Amino acid sequence: MGKPKRTALTAAELALFCSQMSWLLKAAVPLEEGLLAVCENTRDAGKKRLVQSVLSGLEKGTPLSASLKSSGAFPEYLANMAEIGEKAGKLDDVFSALARHYEREDELKSRIRGAVTYPTVLILMIAAVIALLDVKVLPVFRQVLEDLGSGVPAASLAAVQVGLAAGRVALALILAWAALAAGGILAARTGRGALFLRGLADRFPPARRVFTGIDTARFSSALAMLLSSGYGAAQALELLPGILSSPQNGRRARETARKVSQGVPFSQALRQSGLFPGIYSSLIGVGEKAGALDTVMDQIAARSGEEAQEKLSGAVSAVEPVLIGVLSAVIGVILLSILLPLMGILSGTD
């Protein structure tokens, strides 16, 4: 069977797949039989072909991790973790931890979408009102004033022109913003584009704080998973830089792994790296001494994910009223450009 067309899997779908794999492995069901059952219960044709390609690799004697990689649809991190689980003999625990990891990723992404959706819809609605006034109402009103001839004050015509200009400028800015947003979404789907956008975001403190929180949540979640699967701190750290969205944080993770491999205590190396805020570094030190580092990292992952959402909501809350205020002011200018000439005409007829 040839390699299937690449099918993008969401975090929720990855979480479901990992949960199914964990259940099958814990129940001691052979992987081939288990994947066949998964395939039979998959309705989406693209996803079904994907599972079939993994199953085909297993039937040929290819390890599960290699089959996942060759499919081209699973994240490299998931495939690498599956390989680690195969080598450690803890594949069921690894898939169980991966399921929790992707559930957390899905929840974080859902919160981000929710925080951005409302202001976006509101801005588009205001833009539609501006477009209606600028394209349909003002041109007709200006034509009426021009038809009235010399009886209309020049100030009235000037007011209408100001309203038209304000509407066109606002629409141009909104279209430019929409084009940039669309370009950003498309760029984020490519490796280089994502890195460029991440570097651009690092230049703005609010965005940098949000992405740092997201990185902390991902790093903590993955580290907790690796530690609970039996990996040492140095081994776990070597596997983590690739999941971080910031190149700078990736370098910090590699530097932390280097220090730990040289004998520096894990909590101390993390504190020196700057990957975690001070309070988290203290918690990690306590967890390390108590032998419960994986539990502490799991708690940090949950808390840092909530903090990232709070920071994102705060940033949106700060920008939203400014945008709405500006666009509302534009609508006000357009309406005044209609009302003032009307009042002038009505007062002149008395």
Protein backbone atom coordinates (compact mmCIF):
# COMPACT_ATOMS: atom_id res chain seq x y z
CA MET A 1 0.00 0.00 0.00
CA GLY A 2 1.39 3.40 -0.97
CA LYS A 3 1.90 6.25 1.40
CA PRO A 4 -1.42 8.02 1.99
CA LYS A 5 -2.02 11.63 1.40
CA ARG A 6 -0.97 13.63 4.44
CA THR A 7 -3.93 14.24 6.76
CA ALA A 8 -3.65 16.88 9.43
CA LEU A 9 -4.64 15.64 12.88
CA THR A 10 -5.93 18.01 15.50
CA ALA A 11 -4.81 17.86 19.12
CA ALA A 12 -8.20 16.35 20.04
CA GLU A 13 -7.78 13.61 17.42
CA LEU A 14 -4.25 12.91 18.60
CA ALA A 15 -5.50 12.67 22.19
CA LEU A 16 -8.19 10.19 21.13
CA PHE A 17 -5.71 8.09 19.14
CA CYS A 18 -3.25 7.99 22.03
CA SER A 19 -6.02 7.04 24.46
CA GLN A 20 -7.12 4.20 22.18
CA MET A 21 -3.54 2.96 21.87
CA SER A 22 -3.08 3.13 25.64
CA TRP A 23 -6.27 1.14 26.27
CA LEU A 24 -5.27 -1.51 23.73
CA LEU A 25 -1.78 -1.89 25.15
CA LYS A 26 -2.97 -2.03 28.77
CA ALA A 27 -5.50 -4.71 27.76
CA ALA A 28 -2.66 -6.70 26.12
CA VAL A 29 -4.43 -6.62 22.76
CA PRO A 30 -1.97 -7.18 19.87
CA LEU A 31 -1.30 -3.92 18.07
CA GLU A 32 -2.37 -5.26 14.68
CA GLU A 33 -5.74 -6.39 16.03
CA GLY A 34 -6.18 -3.18 17.98
CA LEU A 35 -5.40 -0.91 15.05
CA LEU A 36 -7.73 -2.96 12.86
CA ALA A 37 -10.51 -2.31 15.37
CA VAL A 38 -9.64 1.41 15.42
CA CYS A 39 -9.71 1.47 11.62
CA GLU A 40 -13.11 -0.24 11.49
CA ASN A 41 -14.55 2.35 13.89
CA THR A 42 -13.12 5.36 12.04
CA ARG A 43 -15.68 7.03 9.77
CA ASP A 44 -13.48 9.70 8.18
CA ALA A 45 -11.95 8.30 4.98
CA GLY A 46 -8.70 10.24 5.34
CA LYS A 47 -8.19 9.13 8.94
CA LYS A 48 -9.07 5.56 8.00
CA ARG A 49 -6.37 5.53 5.30
CA LEU A 50 -3.93 6.92 7.82
CA VAL A 51 -4.58 4.15 10.36
CA GLN A 52 -4.43 1.60 7.55
CA SER A 53 -0.97 2.86 6.56
CA VAL A 54 0.26 2.45 10.15
CA LEU A 55 -1.32 -1.01 10.29
CA SER A 56 0.32 -1.93 6.98
CA GLY A 57 3.72 -1.00 8.40
CA LEU A 58 3.17 -3.17 11.47
CA GLU A 59 2.13 -6.13 9.31
CA LYS A 60 5.44 -5.79 7.45
CA GLY A 61 7.36 -5.96 10.72
CA THR A 62 8.05 -2.23 10.99
CA PRO A 63 8.08 -0.90 14.58
CA LEU A 64 5.12 1.24 15.59
CA SER A 65 7.23 4.38 15.97
CA ALA A 66 8.66 4.00 12.46
CA SER A 67 5.17 3.39 11.05
CA LEU A 68 3.92 6.56 12.71
CA LYS A 69 6.82 8.55 11.27
CA SER A 70 6.40 7.18 7.76
CA SER A 71 2.71 8.11 7.73
CA GLY A 72 3.73 11.78 7.67
CA ALA A 73 0.66 12.88 9.65
CA PHE A 74 1.70 12.32 13.24
CA PRO A 75 3.87 14.88 15.03
CA GLU A 76 7.53 14.00 15.23
CA TYR A 77 7.32 14.39 18.99
CA LEU A 78 4.63 11.69 19.24
CA ALA A 79 6.61 9.30 17.05
CA ASN A 80 9.79 9.93 19.04
CA MET A 81 7.96 9.32 22.31
CA ALA A 82 6.55 6.08 20.90
CA GLU A 83 10.10 5.00 20.07
CA ILE A 84 11.18 5.83 23.61
CA GLY A 85 8.29 3.78 24.97
CA GLU A 86 9.25 0.84 22.77
CA LYS A 87 12.83 0.90 24.03
CA ALA A 88 11.80 1.30 27.68
CA GLY A 89 9.03 -1.30 27.48
CA LYS A 90 6.51 1.28 28.71
CA LEU A 91 4.61 2.00 25.53
CA ASP A 92 1.24 1.88 27.30
CA ASP A 93 2.35 4.45 29.90
CA VAL A 94 3.83 6.67 27.20
CA PHE A 95 0.60 6.68 25.17
CA SER A 96 -1.43 7.36 28.31
CA ALA A 97 0.80 10.35 29.09
CA LEU A 98 0.65 11.49 25.45
CA ALA A 99 -3.15 11.42 25.62
CA ARG A 100 -3.08 13.75 28.63
CA HIS A 101 -0.51 15.94 26.88
CA TYR A 102 -2.64 16.40 23.75
CA GLU A 103 -5.82 16.87 25.79
CA ARG A 104 -4.07 19.76 27.50
CA GLU A 105 -2.89 21.10 24.13
CA ASP A 106 -6.44 20.92 22.78
CA GLU A 107 -7.83 22.74 25.81
CA LEU A 108 -5.20 25.48 25.51
CA LYS A 109 -5.89 25.96 21.79
CA SER A 110 -9.64 26.05 22.42
CA ARG A 111 -9.16 28.79 25.00
CA ILE A 112 -6.99 30.77 22.60
CA ARG A 113 -9.60 30.49 19.85
CA GLY A 114 -12.32 31.53 22.26
CA ALA A 115 -10.38 34.57 23.42
CA VAL A 116 -9.75 35.79 19.86
CA THR A 117 -13.09 34.92 18.24
CA TYR A 118 -15.35 37.42 20.02
CA PRO A 119 -13.38 40.62 19.26
CA THR A 120 -12.81 39.45 15.69
CA VAL A 121 -16.53 38.93 15.07
CA LEU A 122 -17.33 42.27 16.72
CA ILE A 123 -14.80 44.14 14.57
CA LEU A 124 -16.15 42.51 11.41
CA MET A 125 -19.70 43.52 12.33
CA ILE A 126 -18.62 47.12 12.88
CA ALA A 127 -16.73 47.00 9.59
CA ALA A 128 -19.92 45.85 7.86
CA VAL A 129 -21.80 48.84 9.30
CA ILE A 130 -19.05 51.22 8.15
CA ALA A 131 -19.07 49.66 4.68
CA LEU A 132 -22.86 50.01 4.43
CA LEU A 133 -22.75 53.68 5.43
CA ASP A 134 -19.77 54.46 3.22
CA VAL A 135 -20.89 52.59 0.10
CA LYS A 136 -24.68 52.94 0.17
CA VAL A 137 -25.75 55.84 2.39
CA LEU A 138 -23.17 58.62 2.08
CA PRO A 139 -22.81 58.60 -1.74
CA VAL A 140 -26.62 58.91 -2.11
CA PHE A 141 -26.76 61.69 0.47
CA ARG A 142 -23.91 63.56 -1.20
CA GLN A 143 -25.69 63.32 -4.55
CA VAL A 144 -28.85 64.74 -2.97
CA LEU A 145 -26.90 67.68 -1.56
CA GLU A 146 -25.23 68.33 -4.90
CA ASP A 147 -28.61 68.27 -6.66
CA LEU A 148 -29.87 70.93 -4.28
CA GLY A 149 -27.29 73.27 -5.78
CA SER A 150 -26.18 76.57 -4.29
CA GLY A 151 -28.65 76.41 -1.43
CA VAL A 152 -26.45 73.90 0.37
CA PRO A 153 -23.61 75.38 2.46
CA ALA A 154 -20.10 74.37 1.48
CA ALA A 155 -19.54 73.18 5.06
CA SER A 156 -22.26 70.57 4.61
CA LEU A 157 -20.62 69.10 1.52
CA ALA A 158 -17.26 69.17 3.32
CA ALA A 159 -18.78 67.26 6.26
CA VAL A 160 -20.00 64.53 3.92
CA GLN A 161 -16.57 64.33 2.30
CA VAL A 162 -14.98 63.94 5.75
CA GLY A 163 -17.40 61.11 6.54
CA LEU A 164 -16.58 59.36 3.27
CA ALA A 165 -12.84 59.73 3.86
CA ALA A 166 -13.09 58.41 7.43
CA GLY A 167 -15.07 55.38 6.27
CA ARG A 168 -12.64 54.56 3.48
CA VAL A 169 -9.60 54.86 5.74
CA ALA A 170 -11.24 52.63 8.37
CA LEU A 171 -12.18 50.02 5.76
CA ALA A 172 -8.67 50.09 4.30
CA LEU A 173 -7.17 49.51 7.76
CA ILE A 174 -9.59 46.68 8.50
CA LEU A 175 -8.84 45.01 5.16
CA ALA A 176 -5.11 45.39 5.80
CA TRP A 177 -5.56 43.83 9.24
CA ALA A 178 -7.59 40.96 7.75
CA ALA A 179 -4.92 40.37 5.08
CA LEU A 180 -2.18 40.30 7.71
CA ALA A 181 -4.19 37.90 9.87
CA ALA A 182 -4.85 35.59 6.91
CA GLY A 183 -1.18 35.74 5.92
CA GLY A 184 -0.18 34.95 9.49
CA ILE A 185 -2.46 31.92 9.62
CA LEU A 186 -1.04 30.59 6.35
CA ALA A 187 2.55 31.30 7.41
CA ALA A 188 2.01 29.55 10.75
CA ARG A 189 1.37 26.31 8.85
CA THR A 190 4.95 26.26 7.55
CA GLY A 191 8.03 25.76 9.68
CA ARG A 192 9.84 28.90 8.58
CA GLY A 193 6.70 31.00 8.76
CA ALA A 194 5.97 29.84 12.30
CA LEU A 195 9.52 30.67 13.39
CA PHE A 196 9.30 34.12 11.78
CA LEU A 197 5.97 34.86 13.48
CA ARG A 198 7.29 33.60 16.80
CA GLY A 199 10.32 35.88 16.51
CA LEU A 200 8.06 38.79 15.59
CA ALA A 201 5.83 38.11 18.57
CA ASP A 202 8.85 38.12 20.89
CA ARG A 203 9.32 41.81 20.07
CA PHE A 204 6.02 42.67 21.77
CA PRO A 205 6.02 42.14 25.55
CA PRO A 206 2.33 41.11 25.87
CA ALA A 207 2.67 38.49 23.10
CA ARG A 208 6.01 37.35 24.49
CA ARG A 209 4.49 36.75 27.92
CA VAL A 210 1.64 34.72 26.43
CA PHE A 211 3.93 32.50 24.33
CA THR A 212 6.34 32.06 27.23
CA GLY A 213 3.43 30.78 29.32
CA ILE A 214 2.42 28.38 26.55
CA ASP A 215 6.00 27.11 26.27
CA THR A 216 6.17 26.61 30.02
CA ALA A 217 2.94 24.58 29.94
CA ARG A 218 4.15 22.40 27.05
CA PHE A 219 7.59 21.92 28.53
CA SER A 220 6.21 20.99 31.96
CA SER A 221 3.60 18.62 30.54
CA ALA A 222 6.10 16.79 28.35
CA LEU A 223 8.71 16.65 31.10
CA ALA A 224 6.17 15.24 33.56
CA MET A 225 5.26 12.59 30.99
CA LEU A 226 8.88 11.58 30.41
CA LEU A 227 9.77 11.49 34.10
CA SER A 228 6.69 9.40 34.92
CA SER A 229 7.73 7.02 32.12
CA GLY A 230 11.01 6.31 33.88
CA TYR A 231 13.41 8.69 32.15
CA GLY A 232 16.10 10.57 33.98
CA ALA A 233 16.11 14.35 33.98
CA ALA A 234 19.06 14.65 31.57
CA GLN A 235 17.56 12.16 29.09
CA ALA A 236 14.16 13.86 29.26
CA LEU A 237 15.60 17.33 28.69
CA GLU A 238 17.41 16.23 25.55
CA LEU A 239 14.08 15.28 23.96
CA LEU A 240 12.16 18.46 24.76
CA PRO A 241 13.61 21.44 22.81
CA GLY A 242 11.74 20.49 19.64
CA ILE A 243 8.28 21.02 21.17
CA LEU A 244 8.95 24.62 22.24
CA SER A 245 7.66 27.39 19.96
CA SER A 246 10.46 29.81 20.83
CA PRO A 247 13.98 29.15 19.45
CA GLN A 248 15.34 31.00 22.48
CA ASN A 249 13.53 28.65 24.86
CA GLY A 250 14.78 25.71 22.81
CA ARG A 251 18.34 26.88 23.37
CA ARG A 252 17.63 27.32 27.08
CA ALA A 253 16.32 23.74 27.27
CA ARG A 254 19.44 22.38 25.57
CA GLU A 255 21.66 24.39 27.91
CA THR A 256 19.73 23.00 30.88
CA ALA A 257 20.22 19.45 29.58
CA ARG A 258 23.94 20.11 29.21
CA LYS A 259 24.25 21.36 32.79
CA VAL A 260 22.27 18.45 34.22
CA SER A 261 24.46 15.99 32.32
CA GLN A 262 27.48 17.68 33.91
CA GLY A 263 26.13 17.04 37.40
CA VAL A 264 24.30 20.29 38.14
CA PRO A 265 21.11 19.62 40.16
CA PHE A 266 18.02 19.66 37.98
CA SER A 267 16.22 22.43 39.87
CA GLN A 268 19.34 24.60 39.89
CA ALA A 269 19.93 24.14 36.16
CA LEU A 270 16.31 25.09 35.43
CA ARG A 271 16.54 28.16 37.66
CA GLN A 272 19.68 29.32 35.87
CA SER A 273 18.13 28.76 32.44
CA GLY A 274 15.28 31.20 33.00
CA LEU A 275 12.73 28.73 31.60
CA PHE A 276 10.59 28.96 34.71
CA PRO A 277 9.59 31.85 36.97
CA GLY A 278 11.16 31.90 40.43
CA ILE A 279 8.18 30.41 42.27
CA TYR A 280 8.08 27.44 39.90
CA SER A 281 11.81 26.88 40.33
CA SER A 282 11.27 26.66 44.10
CA LEU A 283 8.48 24.12 43.63
CA ILE A 284 10.70 22.07 41.33
CA GLY A 285 13.43 22.08 43.99
CA VAL A 286 10.96 20.79 46.60
CA GLY A 287 9.66 18.14 44.20
CA GLU A 288 13.19 17.00 43.38
CA LYS A 289 14.06 16.54 47.05
CA ALA A 290 10.78 14.72 47.72
CA GLY A 291 11.21 12.41 44.72
CA ALA A 292 7.94 13.64 43.23
CA LEU A 293 9.32 15.71 40.36
CA ASP A 294 6.90 14.29 37.79
CA THR A 295 3.90 15.21 39.96
CA VAL A 296 5.20 18.73 40.50
CA MET A 297 5.84 19.21 36.77
CA ASP A 298 2.31 18.02 35.99
CA GLN A 299 0.90 20.58 38.44
CA ILE A 300 3.08 23.31 36.95
CA ALA A 301 1.85 22.38 33.47
CA ALA A 302 -1.77 22.81 34.54
CA ARG A 303 -1.13 26.09 36.34
CA SER A 304 1.06 27.63 33.63
CA GLY A 305 -1.54 26.74 31.01
CA GLU A 306 -4.17 28.62 33.02
CA GLU A 307 -1.80 31.57 33.41
CA ALA A 308 -1.14 31.65 29.66
CA GLN A 309 -4.90 31.80 29.06
CA GLU A 310 -5.27 34.58 31.63
CA LYS A 311 -2.48 36.58 29.97
CA LEU A 312 -4.03 36.08 26.55
CA SER A 313 -7.44 37.14 27.83
CA GLY A 314 -5.85 40.19 29.47
CA ALA A 315 -4.08 41.18 26.25
CA VAL A 316 -7.29 40.79 24.24
CA SER A 317 -9.24 42.71 26.90
CA ALA A 318 -6.76 45.57 26.66
CA VAL A 319 -6.83 45.79 22.86
CA GLU A 320 -10.54 45.13 22.35
CA PRO A 321 -11.95 48.38 23.83
CA VAL A 322 -9.39 50.46 21.93
CA LEU A 323 -10.35 48.91 18.60
CA ILE A 324 -14.05 49.15 19.33
CA GLY A 325 -13.65 52.77 20.48
CA VAL A 326 -11.80 53.77 17.33
CA LEU A 327 -14.27 52.07 15.02
CA SER A 328 -17.22 53.47 16.95
CA ALA A 329 -15.71 56.94 16.61
CA VAL A 330 -15.49 56.42 12.85
CA ILE A 331 -19.17 55.48 12.76
CA GLY A 332 -19.91 58.57 14.83
CA VAL A 333 -18.05 60.79 12.36
CA ILE A 334 -19.96 59.25 9.46
CA LEU A 335 -23.31 59.76 11.18
CA LEU A 336 -22.43 63.35 12.07
CA SER A 337 -21.48 63.99 8.45
CA ILE A 338 -25.09 63.10 7.63
CA LEU A 339 -26.86 64.76 10.56
CA LEU A 340 -25.06 68.12 10.45
CA PRO A 341 -25.96 68.90 6.81
CA LEU A 342 -29.51 67.73 7.48
CA MET A 343 -29.78 70.06 10.46
CA GLY A 344 -28.40 72.88 8.33
CA ILE A 345 -30.92 72.26 5.58
CA LEU A 346 -33.82 71.97 8.04
CA SER A 347 -32.85 75.14 9.87
CA GLY A 348 -32.57 76.98 6.54
CA THR A 349 -36.10 76.05 5.56
CA ASP A 350 -37.65 77.53 8.75
